[in-house]
Amino acid sequence: MSSGGGFVFVNVALISIWLLLTVLNIVLSIWAYRDSLRRGKSQEYALIVLFGMLFFPIIGLIIYLFIRKD
């Protein structure tokens, strides 16, 4: 009988991927918040960007990149 070591590896891999994506989400959210402040937007606008990026990371990033106007 096997000791179930394969399941442990899969669990560790999934947790590692989840942690990486979570950290990436937080870093991108903070970047978008700071970027909107640097571009002269209001504090309220920057907070909306921050929360939008935190709760809807992929869609939020796409929308922010379209509306930020270089």
N, C-alpha and C. Protein backbone atom coordinates (compact mmCIF):
# COMPACT_ATOMS: atom_id res chain seq x y z
N MET A 1 0.82 -1.19 0.00
CA MET A 1 0.00 0.00 0.00
C MET A 1 0.87 1.25 0.00
N SER A 2 0.42 2.26 -0.67
CA SER A 2 1.19 3.50 -0.72
C SER A 2 0.86 4.35 0.51
N SER A 3 1.77 5.24 0.81
CA SER A 3 1.61 6.08 2.00
C SER A 3 0.81 7.35 1.72
N GLY A 4 0.42 7.58 0.49
CA GLY A 4 -0.35 8.78 0.16
C GLY A 4 0.53 10.00 -0.05
N GLY A 5 1.79 9.82 -0.32
CA GLY A 5 2.72 10.93 -0.51
C GLY A 5 2.38 11.79 -1.72
N GLY A 6 1.74 11.20 -2.73
CA GLY A 6 1.37 11.95 -3.92
C GLY A 6 0.33 13.02 -3.61
N PHE A 7 -0.60 12.69 -2.72
CA PHE A 7 -1.62 13.66 -2.35
C PHE A 7 -1.02 14.84 -1.59
N VAL A 8 -0.02 14.58 -0.77
CA VAL A 8 0.64 15.65 -0.04
C VAL A 8 1.34 16.59 -1.01
N PHE A 9 2.01 16.03 -2.01
CA PHE A 9 2.69 16.85 -3.02
C PHE A 9 1.69 17.72 -3.78
N VAL A 10 0.57 17.14 -4.15
CA VAL A 10 -0.45 17.90 -4.89
C VAL A 10 -1.00 19.01 -4.01
N ASN A 11 -1.26 18.72 -2.74
CA ASN A 11 -1.77 19.74 -1.84
C ASN A 11 -0.78 20.88 -1.65
N VAL A 12 0.49 20.55 -1.48
CA VAL A 12 1.51 21.57 -1.32
C VAL A 12 1.62 22.40 -2.59
N ALA A 13 1.56 21.77 -3.75
CA ALA A 13 1.64 22.49 -5.02
C ALA A 13 0.45 23.44 -5.18
N LEU A 14 -0.75 22.97 -4.86
CA LEU A 14 -1.94 23.81 -4.99
C LEU A 14 -1.90 24.99 -4.03
N ILE A 15 -1.47 24.75 -2.81
CA ILE A 15 -1.37 25.83 -1.83
C ILE A 15 -0.32 26.84 -2.27
N SER A 16 0.78 26.37 -2.82
CA SER A 16 1.83 27.27 -3.30
C SER A 16 1.33 28.14 -4.45
N ILE A 17 0.61 27.55 -5.37
CA ILE A 17 0.05 28.31 -6.50
C ILE A 17 -0.96 29.33 -5.99
N TRP A 18 -1.81 28.92 -5.05
CA TRP A 18 -2.81 29.83 -4.49
C TRP A 18 -2.12 31.01 -3.79
N LEU A 19 -1.08 30.74 -3.02
CA LEU A 19 -0.35 31.82 -2.34
C LEU A 19 0.31 32.76 -3.34
N LEU A 20 0.89 32.22 -4.39
CA LEU A 20 1.52 33.04 -5.42
C LEU A 20 0.50 33.96 -6.09
N LEU A 21 -0.66 33.42 -6.44
CA LEU A 21 -1.69 34.22 -7.09
C LEU A 21 -2.25 35.28 -6.14
N THR A 22 -2.37 34.95 -4.86
CA THR A 22 -2.86 35.91 -3.88
C THR A 22 -1.88 37.07 -3.71
N VAL A 23 -0.60 36.75 -3.60
CA VAL A 23 0.42 37.80 -3.48
C VAL A 23 0.45 38.65 -4.75
N LEU A 24 0.35 38.03 -5.91
CA LEU A 24 0.32 38.78 -7.17
C LEU A 24 -0.89 39.71 -7.22
N ASN A 25 -2.04 39.25 -6.76
CA ASN A 25 -3.25 40.07 -6.73
C ASN A 25 -3.05 41.28 -5.83
N ILE A 26 -2.46 41.07 -4.66
CA ILE A 26 -2.25 42.18 -3.72
C ILE A 26 -1.25 43.18 -4.30
N VAL A 27 -0.17 42.69 -4.88
CA VAL A 27 0.84 43.58 -5.46
C VAL A 27 0.25 44.40 -6.61
N LEU A 28 -0.51 43.77 -7.49
CA LEU A 28 -1.13 44.50 -8.61
C LEU A 28 -2.17 45.50 -8.11
N SER A 29 -2.90 45.16 -7.07
CA SER A 29 -3.89 46.08 -6.51
C SER A 29 -3.21 47.32 -5.94
N ILE A 30 -2.13 47.12 -5.20
CA ILE A 30 -1.40 48.26 -4.64
C ILE A 30 -0.79 49.10 -5.75
N TRP A 31 -0.27 48.45 -6.79
CA TRP A 31 0.29 49.19 -7.93
C TRP A 31 -0.78 50.07 -8.57
N ALA A 32 -1.97 49.51 -8.81
CA ALA A 32 -3.04 50.28 -9.46
C ALA A 32 -3.47 51.44 -8.57
N TYR A 33 -3.54 51.23 -7.27
CA TYR A 33 -3.90 52.29 -6.33
C TYR A 33 -2.88 53.43 -6.41
N ARG A 34 -1.61 53.10 -6.31
CA ARG A 34 -0.56 54.12 -6.35
C ARG A 34 -0.49 54.80 -7.72
N ASP A 35 -0.71 54.03 -8.77
CA ASP A 35 -0.67 54.59 -10.12
C ASP A 35 -1.79 55.60 -10.32
N SER A 36 -2.96 55.30 -9.81
CA SER A 36 -4.07 56.24 -9.97
C SER A 36 -3.82 57.52 -9.17
N LEU A 37 -3.19 57.41 -7.99
CA LEU A 37 -2.85 58.62 -7.24
C LEU A 37 -1.77 59.42 -7.96
N ARG A 38 -0.78 58.75 -8.55
CA ARG A 38 0.29 59.44 -9.28
C ARG A 38 -0.25 60.17 -10.50
N ARG A 39 -1.32 59.68 -11.06
CA ARG A 39 -1.90 60.31 -12.25
C ARG A 39 -2.86 61.44 -11.88
N GLY A 40 -2.93 61.79 -10.60
CA GLY A 40 -3.72 62.93 -10.19
C GLY A 40 -5.18 62.64 -9.90
N LYS A 41 -5.54 61.39 -9.79
CA LYS A 41 -6.92 61.05 -9.48
C LYS A 41 -7.18 61.28 -7.99
N SER A 42 -8.45 61.36 -7.61
CA SER A 42 -8.80 61.60 -6.21
C SER A 42 -8.57 60.35 -5.37
N GLN A 43 -8.55 60.56 -4.05
CA GLN A 43 -8.38 59.45 -3.11
C GLN A 43 -9.53 58.45 -3.24
N GLU A 44 -10.74 58.94 -3.43
CA GLU A 44 -11.90 58.06 -3.56
C GLU A 44 -11.79 57.19 -4.81
N TYR A 45 -11.38 57.80 -5.90
CA TYR A 45 -11.19 57.05 -7.14
C TYR A 45 -10.15 55.96 -6.95
N ALA A 46 -9.04 56.31 -6.29
CA ALA A 46 -7.97 55.34 -6.05
C ALA A 46 -8.46 54.19 -5.17
N LEU A 47 -9.30 54.48 -4.18
CA LEU A 47 -9.85 53.41 -3.33
C LEU A 47 -10.79 52.50 -4.11
N ILE A 48 -11.57 53.08 -5.00
CA ILE A 48 -12.46 52.26 -5.84
C ILE A 48 -11.62 51.35 -6.73
N VAL A 49 -10.54 51.88 -7.28
CA VAL A 49 -9.63 51.06 -8.09
C VAL A 49 -9.05 49.94 -7.24
N LEU A 50 -8.61 50.27 -6.03
CA LEU A 50 -8.01 49.28 -5.14
C LEU A 50 -8.99 48.15 -4.84
N PHE A 51 -10.20 48.49 -4.42
CA PHE A 51 -11.17 47.45 -4.08
C PHE A 51 -11.64 46.68 -5.32
N GLY A 52 -11.75 47.37 -6.45
CA GLY A 52 -12.10 46.67 -7.68
C GLY A 52 -11.06 45.64 -8.06
N MET A 53 -9.79 46.02 -7.90
CA MET A 53 -8.71 45.08 -8.22
C MET A 53 -8.64 43.94 -7.21
N LEU A 54 -8.93 44.21 -5.95
CA LEU A 54 -8.87 43.15 -4.94
C LEU A 54 -9.96 42.11 -5.14
N PHE A 55 -11.18 42.58 -5.44
CA PHE A 55 -12.30 41.65 -5.52
C PHE A 55 -12.52 41.07 -6.92
N PHE A 56 -12.09 41.77 -7.96
CA PHE A 56 -12.23 41.29 -9.34
C PHE A 56 -10.88 41.46 -10.05
N PRO A 57 -9.89 40.63 -9.73
CA PRO A 57 -8.52 40.91 -10.17
C PRO A 57 -8.32 40.96 -11.68
N ILE A 58 -8.80 40.00 -12.42
CA ILE A 58 -8.53 39.97 -13.86
C ILE A 58 -9.34 41.04 -14.59
N ILE A 59 -10.63 41.06 -14.34
CA ILE A 59 -11.50 42.06 -14.97
C ILE A 59 -11.11 43.46 -14.52
N GLY A 60 -10.81 43.61 -13.22
CA GLY A 60 -10.42 44.92 -12.69
C GLY A 60 -9.16 45.45 -13.34
N LEU A 61 -8.17 44.59 -13.54
CA LEU A 61 -6.93 45.02 -14.18
C LEU A 61 -7.17 45.43 -15.63
N ILE A 62 -7.94 44.65 -16.35
CA ILE A 62 -8.23 44.98 -17.75
C ILE A 62 -8.96 46.31 -17.85
N ILE A 63 -9.97 46.50 -17.01
CA ILE A 63 -10.73 47.76 -17.04
C ILE A 63 -9.84 48.93 -16.65
N TYR A 64 -9.04 48.76 -15.61
CA TYR A 64 -8.17 49.86 -15.19
C TYR A 64 -7.17 50.23 -16.27
N LEU A 65 -6.60 49.25 -16.94
CA LEU A 65 -5.64 49.56 -18.00
C LEU A 65 -6.29 50.30 -19.16
N PHE A 66 -7.59 50.04 -19.40
CA PHE A 66 -8.29 50.76 -20.47
C PHE A 66 -8.65 52.19 -20.06
N ILE A 67 -9.02 52.40 -18.80
CA ILE A 67 -9.52 53.72 -18.41
C ILE A 67 -8.46 54.64 -17.82
N ARG A 68 -7.24 54.17 -17.64
CA ARG A 68 -6.24 55.00 -16.96
C ARG A 68 -5.67 56.11 -17.84
N LYS A 69 -5.79 56.04 -19.13
CA LYS A 69 -5.39 57.08 -20.09
C LYS A 69 -3.95 57.53 -19.89
N ASP A 70 -3.08 56.92 -20.63
CA ASP A 70 -1.65 57.30 -20.56
C ASP A 70 -1.53 58.70 -20.99
